[in-house]
Each structure stands twice: as C-alpha cells, then as structure tokens.
Amino acid sequence: TFVSLCRELETDADALLWGTAQPFGTAAQGMWG
C-alpha cells in the first residue's frame, strides 16, 4: 500500500515518511514508477 501511495502521488518514500521532499524522477522514478 505504501508503494502504491508513493506511485499514485508521484512522490518518494522520504517525502511521505519524513517530510523531506525529493524531486520525483531519476532514481525515484525507477523505484516508484
């Protein structure tokens, strides 16, 4: 469910877990695409 939320919200885990926004793309796109 966590992965689905990251994917649908187009965000990375750090942004949801800790509030540290990272740009969605490059490595995050590969993991959460």
Full PDB file with SEQRES, HELIX, SHEET, SSBOND, CRYST1, ORIGX, SCALE, CONECT and MASTER records, all heavy atoms in Angstrom:
SEQRES   1 A   33  THR PHE VAL SER LEU CYS ARG GLU LEU GLU THR ASP ALA          
SEQRES   2 A   33  ASP ALA LEU LEU TRP GLY THR ALA GLN PRO PHE GLY THR          
SEQRES   3 A   33  ALA ALA GLN GLY MET TRP GLY                                  
HELIX    1 AA1 PHE A    2  LEU A    9  1                                   8    
HELIX    2 AA2 ALA A   13  TRP A   18  1                                   6    
HELIX    3 AA3 THR A   26  TRP A   32  1                                   7    
CRYST1    1.000    1.000    1.000  90.00  90.00  90.00 P 1           1          
ORIGX1      1.000000  0.000000  0.000000        0.00000                         
ORIGX2      0.000000  1.000000  0.000000        0.00000                         
ORIGX3      0.000000  0.000000  1.000000        0.00000                         
SCALE1      1.000000  0.000000  0.000000        0.00000                         
SCALE2      0.000000  1.000000  0.000000        0.00000                         
SCALE3      0.000000  0.000000  1.000000        0.00000                         
ATOM      1  N   THR A   1       0.833  -1.200   0.000  1.00  0.00           N  
ATOM      2  CA  THR A   1       0.000   0.000   0.000  1.00  0.00           C  
ATOM      3  C   THR A   1       0.867   1.250   0.000  1.00  0.00           C  
ATOM      4  O   THR A   1       0.585   2.210  -0.713  1.00  0.00           O  
ATOM      5  CB  THR A   1      -0.962  -0.001   1.206  1.00  0.00           C  
ATOM      6  OG1 THR A   1      -1.806  -1.148   1.115  1.00  0.00           O  
ATOM      7  CG2 THR A   1      -1.798   1.260   1.260  1.00  0.00           C  
ATOM      8  N   PHE A   2       1.947   1.220   0.773  1.00  0.00           N  
ATOM      9  CA  PHE A   2       2.868   2.358   0.822  1.00  0.00           C  
ATOM     10  C   PHE A   2       3.453   2.628  -0.565  1.00  0.00           C  
ATOM     11  O   PHE A   2       3.488   3.773  -1.028  1.00  0.00           O  
ATOM     12  CB  PHE A   2       3.977   2.103   1.840  1.00  0.00           C  
ATOM     13  CG  PHE A   2       4.941   3.238   1.975  1.00  0.00           C  
ATOM     14  CD1 PHE A   2       4.587   4.397   2.635  1.00  0.00           C  
ATOM     15  CD2 PHE A   2       6.212   3.151   1.425  1.00  0.00           C  
ATOM     16  CE1 PHE A   2       5.478   5.464   2.749  1.00  0.00           C  
ATOM     17  CE2 PHE A   2       7.110   4.198   1.528  1.00  0.00           C  
ATOM     18  CZ  PHE A   2       6.748   5.353   2.196  1.00  0.00           C  
ATOM     19  N   VAL A   3       3.880   1.578  -1.246  1.00  0.00           N  
ATOM     20  CA  VAL A   3       4.433   1.723  -2.594  1.00  0.00           C  
ATOM     21  C   VAL A   3       3.368   2.282  -3.536  1.00  0.00           C  
ATOM     22  O   VAL A   3       3.647   3.170  -4.350  1.00  0.00           O  
ATOM     23  CB  VAL A   3       4.993   0.379  -3.113  1.00  0.00           C  
ATOM     24  CG1 VAL A   3       5.303   0.435  -4.603  1.00  0.00           C  
ATOM     25  CG2 VAL A   3       6.243  -0.014  -2.328  1.00  0.00           C  
ATOM     26  N   SER A   4       2.143   1.786  -3.427  1.00  0.00           N  
ATOM     27  CA  SER A   4       1.052   2.290  -4.270  1.00  0.00           C  
ATOM     28  C   SER A   4       0.812   3.776  -4.033  1.00  0.00           C  
ATOM     29  O   SER A   4       0.615   4.544  -4.987  1.00  0.00           O  
ATOM     30  CB  SER A   4      -0.240   1.519  -4.003  1.00  0.00           C  
ATOM     31  OG  SER A   4      -0.133   0.205  -4.457  1.00  0.00           O  
ATOM     32  N   LEU A   5       0.821   4.190  -2.776  1.00  0.00           N  
ATOM     33  CA  LEU A   5       0.619   5.610  -2.465  1.00  0.00           C  
ATOM     34  C   LEU A   5       1.738   6.458  -3.055  1.00  0.00           C  
ATOM     35  O   LEU A   5       1.482   7.512  -3.644  1.00  0.00           O  
ATOM     36  CB  LEU A   5       0.520   5.822  -0.952  1.00  0.00           C  
ATOM     37  CG  LEU A   5      -0.797   5.403  -0.326  1.00  0.00           C  
ATOM     38  CD1 LEU A   5      -0.679   5.332   1.190  1.00  0.00           C  
ATOM     39  CD2 LEU A   5      -1.907   6.355  -0.733  1.00  0.00           C  
ATOM     40  N   CYS A   6       2.984   6.015  -2.887  1.00  0.00           N  
ATOM     41  CA  CYS A   6       4.111   6.761  -3.468  1.00  0.00           C  
ATOM     42  C   CYS A   6       3.956   6.870  -4.978  1.00  0.00           C  
ATOM     43  O   CYS A   6       4.147   7.948  -5.555  1.00  0.00           O  
ATOM     44  CB  CYS A   6       5.436   6.079  -3.133  1.00  0.00           C  
ATOM     45  SG  CYS A   6       5.942   6.221  -1.420  1.00  0.00           S  
ATOM     46  N   ARG A   7       3.598   5.771  -5.611  1.00  0.00           N  
ATOM     47  CA  ARG A   7       3.457   5.742  -7.062  1.00  0.00           C  
ATOM     48  C   ARG A   7       2.323   6.657  -7.516  1.00  0.00           C  
ATOM     49  O   ARG A   7       2.507   7.492  -8.402  1.00  0.00           O  
ATOM     50  CB  ARG A   7       3.213   4.301  -7.521  1.00  0.00           C  
ATOM     51  CG  ARG A   7       3.175   4.132  -9.025  1.00  0.00           C  
ATOM     52  CD  ARG A   7       2.988   2.683  -9.449  1.00  0.00           C  
ATOM     53  NE  ARG A   7       1.772   2.129  -8.883  1.00  0.00           N  
ATOM     54  CZ  ARG A   7       1.715   1.035  -8.133  1.00  0.00           C  
ATOM     55  NH1 ARG A   7       2.799   0.370  -7.834  1.00  0.00           N  
ATOM     56  NH2 ARG A   7       0.563   0.595  -7.670  1.00  0.00           N  
ATOM     57  N   GLU A   8       1.154   6.534  -6.903  1.00  0.00           N  
ATOM     58  CA  GLU A   8      -0.004   7.323  -7.323  1.00  0.00           C  
ATOM     59  C   GLU A   8       0.164   8.807  -7.021  1.00  0.00           C  
ATOM     60  O   GLU A   8      -0.270   9.657  -7.792  1.00  0.00           O  
ATOM     61  CB  GLU A   8      -1.290   6.790  -6.685  1.00  0.00           C  
ATOM     62  CG  GLU A   8      -1.661   5.392  -7.112  1.00  0.00           C  
ATOM     63  CD  GLU A   8      -1.846   5.218  -8.610  1.00  0.00           C  
ATOM     64  OE1 GLU A   8      -2.268   6.180  -9.299  1.00  0.00           O  
ATOM     65  OE2 GLU A   8      -1.564   4.123  -9.111  1.00  0.00           O  
ATOM     66  N   LEU A   9       0.801   9.122  -5.905  1.00  0.00           N  
ATOM     67  CA  LEU A   9       1.012  10.522  -5.536  1.00  0.00           C  
ATOM     68  C   LEU A   9       2.264  11.109  -6.187  1.00  0.00           C  
ATOM     69  O   LEU A   9       2.561  12.289  -6.003  1.00  0.00           O  
ATOM     70  CB  LEU A   9       1.087  10.659  -4.010  1.00  0.00           C  
ATOM     71  CG  LEU A   9      -0.209  10.338  -3.274  1.00  0.00           C  
ATOM     72  CD1 LEU A   9       0.028  10.276  -1.772  1.00  0.00           C  
ATOM     73  CD2 LEU A   9      -1.308  11.327  -3.620  1.00  0.00           C  
ATOM     74  N   GLU A  10       2.993  10.259  -6.926  1.00  0.00           N  
ATOM     75  CA  GLU A  10       4.213  10.665  -7.616  1.00  0.00           C  
ATOM     76  C   GLU A  10       5.200  11.343  -6.674  1.00  0.00           C  
ATOM     77  O   GLU A  10       5.674  12.452  -6.911  1.00  0.00           O  
ATOM     78  CB  GLU A  10       3.890  11.554  -8.823  1.00  0.00           C  
ATOM     79  CG  GLU A  10       3.067  10.844  -9.869  1.00  0.00           C  
ATOM     80  CD  GLU A  10       2.732  11.708 -11.070  1.00  0.00           C  
ATOM     81  OE1 GLU A  10       2.612  12.949 -10.903  1.00  0.00           O  
ATOM     82  OE2 GLU A  10       2.593  11.140 -12.155  1.00  0.00           O  
ATOM     83  N   THR A  11       5.498  10.625  -5.596  1.00  0.00           N  
ATOM     84  CA  THR A  11       6.443  11.126  -4.606  1.00  0.00           C  
ATOM     85  C   THR A  11       7.342   9.982  -4.175  1.00  0.00           C  
ATOM     86  O   THR A  11       7.113   8.828  -4.522  1.00  0.00           O  
ATOM     87  CB  THR A  11       5.691  11.753  -3.411  1.00  0.00           C  
ATOM     88  OG1 THR A  11       6.615  12.472  -2.618  1.00  0.00           O  
ATOM     89  CG2 THR A  11       4.978  10.701  -2.582  1.00  0.00           C  
ATOM     90  N   ASP A  12       8.366  10.304  -3.423  1.00  0.00           N  
ATOM     91  CA  ASP A  12       9.247   9.254  -2.944  1.00  0.00           C  
ATOM     92  C   ASP A  12       8.962   8.935  -1.475  1.00  0.00           C  
ATOM     93  O   ASP A  12       8.192   9.633  -0.809  1.00  0.00           O  
ATOM     94  CB  ASP A  12      10.718   9.605  -3.175  1.00  0.00           C  
ATOM     95  CG  ASP A  12      11.188  10.811  -2.386  1.00  0.00           C  
ATOM     96  OD1 ASP A  12      10.429  11.310  -1.538  1.00  0.00           O  
ATOM     97  OD2 ASP A  12      12.310  11.249  -2.614  1.00  0.00           O  
ATOM     98  N   ALA A  13       9.559   7.870  -1.009  1.00  0.00           N  
ATOM     99  CA  ALA A  13       9.321   7.406   0.357  1.00  0.00           C  
ATOM    100  C   ALA A  13       9.709   8.455   1.397  1.00  0.00           C  
ATOM    101  O   ALA A  13       8.993   8.647   2.377  1.00  0.00           O  
ATOM    102  CB  ALA A  13      10.089   6.101   0.601  1.00  0.00           C  
ATOM    103  N   ASP A  14      10.843   9.133   1.197  1.00  0.00           N  
ATOM    104  CA  ASP A  14      11.283  10.142   2.172  1.00  0.00           C  
ATOM    105  C   ASP A  14      10.246  11.232   2.377  1.00  0.00           C  
ATOM    106  O   ASP A  14      10.023  11.681   3.495  1.00  0.00           O  
ATOM    107  CB  ASP A  14      12.608  10.785   1.744  1.00  0.00           C  
ATOM    108  CG  ASP A  14      13.799   9.869   1.952  1.00  0.00           C  
ATOM    109  OD1 ASP A  14      13.689   8.921   2.752  1.00  0.00           O  
ATOM    110  OD2 ASP A  14      14.836  10.101   1.317  1.00  0.00           O  
ATOM    111  N   ALA A  15       9.614  11.648   1.306  1.00  0.00           N  
ATOM    112  CA  ALA A  15       8.613  12.714   1.419  1.00  0.00           C  
ATOM    113  C   ALA A  15       7.446  12.279   2.288  1.00  0.00           C  
ATOM    114  O   ALA A  15       6.958  13.058   3.114  1.00  0.00           O  
ATOM    115  CB  ALA A  15       8.122  13.130   0.039  1.00  0.00           C  
ATOM    116  N   LEU A  16       6.996  11.035   2.133  1.00  0.00           N  
ATOM    117  CA  LEU A  16       5.871  10.566   2.944  1.00  0.00           C  
ATOM    118  C   LEU A  16       6.305  10.213   4.360  1.00  0.00           C  
ATOM    119  O   LEU A  16       5.617  10.532   5.325  1.00  0.00           O  
ATOM    120  CB  LEU A  16       5.205   9.354   2.296  1.00  0.00           C  
ATOM    121  CG  LEU A  16       4.462   9.604   0.997  1.00  0.00           C  
ATOM    122  CD1 LEU A  16       3.737   8.340   0.557  1.00  0.00           C  
ATOM    123  CD2 LEU A  16       3.485  10.750   1.106  1.00  0.00           C  
ATOM    124  N   LEU A  17       7.438   9.550   4.496  1.00  0.00           N  
ATOM    125  CA  LEU A  17       7.878   9.097   5.818  1.00  0.00           C  
ATOM    126  C   LEU A  17       8.362  10.230   6.711  1.00  0.00           C  
ATOM    127  O   LEU A  17       8.007  10.298   7.881  1.00  0.00           O  
ATOM    128  CB  LEU A  17       8.999   8.061   5.679  1.00  0.00           C  
ATOM    129  CG  LEU A  17       8.618   6.738   5.053  1.00  0.00           C  
ATOM    130  CD1 LEU A  17       9.876   5.919   4.780  1.00  0.00           C  
ATOM    131  CD2 LEU A  17       7.653   5.968   5.951  1.00  0.00           C  
ATOM    132  N   TRP A  18       9.190  11.104   6.165  1.00  0.00           N  
ATOM    133  CA  TRP A  18       9.872  12.097   6.990  1.00  0.00           C  
ATOM    134  C   TRP A  18       9.576  13.537   6.615  1.00  0.00           C  
ATOM    135  O   TRP A  18      10.045  14.453   7.277  1.00  0.00           O  
ATOM    136  CB  TRP A  18      11.389  11.873   6.920  1.00  0.00           C  
ATOM    137  CG  TRP A  18      11.767  10.443   7.065  1.00  0.00           C  
ATOM    138  CD1 TRP A  18      12.314   9.644   6.110  1.00  0.00           C  
ATOM    139  CD2 TRP A  18      11.612   9.613   8.219  1.00  0.00           C  
ATOM    140  NE1 TRP A  18      12.507   8.379   6.602  1.00  0.00           N  
ATOM    141  CE2 TRP A  18      12.092   8.333   7.893  1.00  0.00           C  
ATOM    142  CE3 TRP A  18      11.106   9.837   9.501  1.00  0.00           C  
ATOM    143  CZ2 TRP A  18      12.079   7.268   8.794  1.00  0.00           C  
ATOM    144  CZ3 TRP A  18      11.094   8.775  10.405  1.00  0.00           C  
ATOM    145  CH2 TRP A  18      11.583   7.519  10.051  1.00  0.00           C  
ATOM    146  N   GLY A  19       8.859  13.771   5.523  1.00  0.00           N  
ATOM    147  CA  GLY A  19       8.564  15.138   5.110  1.00  0.00           C  
ATOM    148  C   GLY A  19       9.691  15.796   4.360  1.00  0.00           C  
ATOM    149  O   GLY A  19       9.687  16.999   4.145  1.00  0.00           O  
ATOM    150  N   THR A  20      10.687  15.021   3.939  1.00  0.00           N  
ATOM    151  CA  THR A  20      11.815  15.533   3.183  1.00  0.00           C  
ATOM    152  C   THR A  20      11.509  15.362   1.711  1.00  0.00           C  
ATOM    153  O   THR A  20      11.594  14.257   1.180  1.00  0.00           O  
ATOM    154  CB  THR A  20      13.115  14.752   3.526  1.00  0.00           C  
ATOM    155  OG1 THR A  20      13.289  14.769   4.926  1.00  0.00           O  
ATOM    156  CG2 THR A  20      14.309  15.347   2.836  1.00  0.00           C  
ATOM    157  N   ALA A  21      11.131  16.431   1.064  1.00  0.00           N  
ATOM    158  CA  ALA A  21      10.744  16.360  -0.350  1.00  0.00           C  
ATOM    159  C   ALA A  21      11.960  16.163  -1.227  1.00  0.00           C  
ATOM    160  O   ALA A  21      12.953  16.859  -1.089  1.00  0.00           O  
ATOM    161  CB  ALA A  21       9.992  17.612  -0.746  1.00  0.00           C  
ATOM    162  N   GLN A  22      11.866  15.199  -2.103  1.00  0.00           N  
ATOM    163  CA  GLN A  22      12.880  14.951  -3.124  1.00  0.00           C  
ATOM    164  C   GLN A  22      12.181  15.069  -4.473  1.00  0.00           C  
ATOM    165  O   GLN A  22      11.035  14.680  -4.605  1.00  0.00           O  
ATOM    166  CB  GLN A  22      13.464  13.538  -2.972  1.00  0.00           C  
ATOM    167  CG  GLN A  22      14.098  13.271  -1.629  1.00  0.00           C  
ATOM    168  CD  GLN A  22      15.347  14.088  -1.400  1.00  0.00           C  
ATOM    169  OE1 GLN A  22      16.103  14.325  -2.322  1.00  0.00           O  
ATOM    170  NE2 GLN A  22      15.549  14.533  -0.176  1.00  0.00           N  
ATOM    171  N   PRO A  23      12.863  15.579  -5.480  1.00  0.00           N  
ATOM    172  CA  PRO A  23      12.218  15.650  -6.787  1.00  0.00           C  
ATOM    173  C   PRO A  23      11.885  14.253  -7.295  1.00  0.00           C  
ATOM    174  O   PRO A  23      12.681  13.340  -7.122  1.00  0.00           O  
ATOM    175  CB  PRO A  23      13.256  16.329  -7.681  1.00  0.00           C  
ATOM    176  CG  PRO A  23      14.507  16.392  -6.908  1.00  0.00           C  
ATOM    177  CD  PRO A  23      14.215  16.071  -5.480  1.00  0.00           C  
ATOM    178  N   PHE A  24      10.701  14.135  -7.858  1.00  0.00           N  
ATOM    179  CA  PHE A  24      10.284  12.842  -8.397  1.00  0.00           C  
ATOM    180  C   PHE A  24      10.921  12.680  -9.764  1.00  0.00           C  
ATOM    181  O   PHE A  24      10.677  13.450 -10.669  1.00  0.00           O  
ATOM    182  CB  PHE A  24       8.755  12.768  -8.503  1.00  0.00           C  
ATOM    183  CG  PHE A  24       8.273  11.411  -8.903  1.00  0.00           C  
ATOM    184  CD1 PHE A  24       8.308  10.377  -7.993  1.00  0.00           C  
ATOM    185  CD2 PHE A  24       7.802  11.174 -10.171  1.00  0.00           C  
ATOM    186  CE1 PHE A  24       7.871   9.117  -8.347  1.00  0.00           C  
ATOM    187  CE2 PHE A  24       7.362   9.921 -10.532  1.00  0.00           C  
ATOM    188  CZ  PHE A  24       7.392   8.888  -9.626  1.00  0.00           C  
ATOM    189  N   GLY A  25      11.749  11.700  -9.898  1.00  0.00           N  
ATOM    190  CA  GLY A  25      12.420  11.457 -11.172  1.00  0.00           C  
ATOM    191  C   GLY A  25      13.647  10.608 -10.960  1.00  0.00           C  
ATOM    192  O   GLY A  25      13.873  10.061  -9.889  1.00  0.00           O  
ATOM    193  N   THR A  26      14.447  10.503 -11.945  1.00  0.00           N  
ATOM    194  CA  THR A  26      15.683   9.724 -11.970  1.00  0.00           C  
ATOM    195  C   THR A  26      15.561   8.446 -11.154  1.00  0.00           C  
ATOM    196  O   THR A  26      14.821   7.558 -11.524  1.00  0.00           O  
ATOM    197  CB  THR A  26      16.877  10.586 -11.521  1.00  0.00           C  
ATOM    198  OG1 THR A  26      16.663  11.103 -10.225  1.00  0.00           O  
ATOM    199  CG2 THR A  26      17.108  11.721 -12.490  1.00  0.00           C  
ATOM    200  N   ALA A  27      16.284   8.346 -10.044  1.00  0.00           N  
ATOM    201  CA  ALA A  27      16.281   7.103  -9.262  1.00  0.00           C  
ATOM    202  C   ALA A  27      14.906   6.799  -8.692  1.00  0.00           C  
ATOM    203  O   ALA A  27      14.460   5.655  -8.700  1.00  0.00           O  
ATOM    204  CB  ALA A  27      17.303   7.201  -8.142  1.00  0.00           C  
ATOM    205  N   ALA A  28      14.215   7.832  -8.202  1.00  0.00           N  
ATOM    206  CA  ALA A  28      12.885   7.603  -7.634  1.00  0.00           C  
ATOM    207  C   ALA A  28      11.931   7.083  -8.699  1.00  0.00           C  
ATOM    208  O   ALA A  28      11.116   6.200  -8.431  1.00  0.00           O  
ATOM    209  CB  ALA A  28      12.332   8.885  -7.018  1.00  0.00           C  
ATOM    210  N   GLN A  29      12.024   7.602  -9.903  1.00  0.00           N  
ATOM    211  CA  GLN A  29      11.149   7.129 -10.980  1.00  0.00           C  
ATOM    212  C   GLN A  29      11.396   5.653 -11.240  1.00  0.00           C  
ATOM    213  O   GLN A  29      10.449   4.890 -11.427  1.00  0.00           O  
ATOM    214  CB  GLN A  29      11.392   7.939 -12.256  1.00  0.00           C  
ATOM    215  CG  GLN A  29      10.523   7.511 -13.431  1.00  0.00           C  
ATOM    216  CD  GLN A  29       9.060   7.809 -13.209  1.00  0.00           C  
ATOM    217  OE1 GLN A  29       8.727   8.812 -12.608  1.00  0.00           O  
ATOM    218  NE2 GLN A  29       8.198   6.942 -13.673  1.00  0.00           N  
ATOM    219  N   GLY A  30      12.640   5.238 -11.219  1.00  0.00           N  
ATOM    220  CA  GLY A  30      12.954   3.835 -11.430  1.00  0.00           C  
ATOM    221  C   GLY A  30      12.389   2.948 -10.340  1.00  0.00           C  
ATOM    222  O   GLY A  30      11.924   1.839 -10.593  1.00  0.00           O  
ATOM    223  N   MET A  31      12.409   3.434  -9.097  1.00  0.00           N  
ATOM    224  CA  MET A  31      11.907   2.632  -7.983  1.00  0.00           C  
ATOM    225  C   MET A  31      10.400   2.686  -7.865  1.00  0.00           C  
ATOM    226  O   MET A  31       9.756   1.685  -7.624  1.00  0.00           O  
ATOM    227  CB  MET A  31      12.513   3.123  -6.661  1.00  0.00           C  
ATOM    228  CG  MET A  31      13.971   2.808  -6.516  1.00  0.00           C  
ATOM    229  SD  MET A  31      14.578   3.204  -4.869  1.00  0.00           S  
ATOM    230  CE  MET A  31      14.427   4.968  -4.847  1.00  0.00           C  
ATOM    231  N   TRP A  32       9.811   3.875  -8.009  1.00  0.00           N  
ATOM    232  CA  TRP A  32       8.396   4.047  -7.724  1.00  0.00           C  
ATOM    233  C   TRP A  32       7.548   4.254  -8.972  1.00  0.00           C  
ATOM    234  O   TRP A  32       6.379   4.572  -8.870  1.00  0.00           O  
ATOM    235  CB  TRP A  32       8.178   5.244  -6.800  1.00  0.00           C  
ATOM    236  CG  TRP A  32       8.918   5.142  -5.522  1.00  0.00           C  
ATOM    237  CD1 TRP A  32       9.971   5.913  -5.140  1.00  0.00           C  
ATOM    238  CD2 TRP A  32       8.698   4.230  -4.453  1.00  0.00           C  
ATOM    239  NE1 TRP A  32      10.413   5.524  -3.908  1.00  0.00           N  
ATOM    240  CE2 TRP A  32       9.648   4.510  -3.453  1.00  0.00           C  
ATOM    241  CE3 TRP A  32       7.783   3.206  -4.234  1.00  0.00           C  
ATOM    242  CZ2 TRP A  32       9.713   3.797  -2.271  1.00  0.00           C  
ATOM    243  CZ3 TRP A  32       7.854   2.495  -3.041  1.00  0.00           C  
ATOM    244  CH2 TRP A  32       8.806   2.795  -2.093  1.00  0.00           C  
ATOM    245  N   GLY A  33       8.142   4.120 -10.149  1.00  0.00           N  
ATOM    246  CA  GLY A  33       7.406   4.335 -11.391  1.00  0.00           C  
ATOM    247  C   GLY A  33       6.181   3.437 -11.474  1.00  0.00           C  
ATOM    248  O   GLY A  33       6.056   2.446 -10.773  1.00  0.00           O  
TER     249      GLY A  33                                                      
MASTER        0    0    0    3    0    0    0    6  248    1    0    3          
END                                                                             
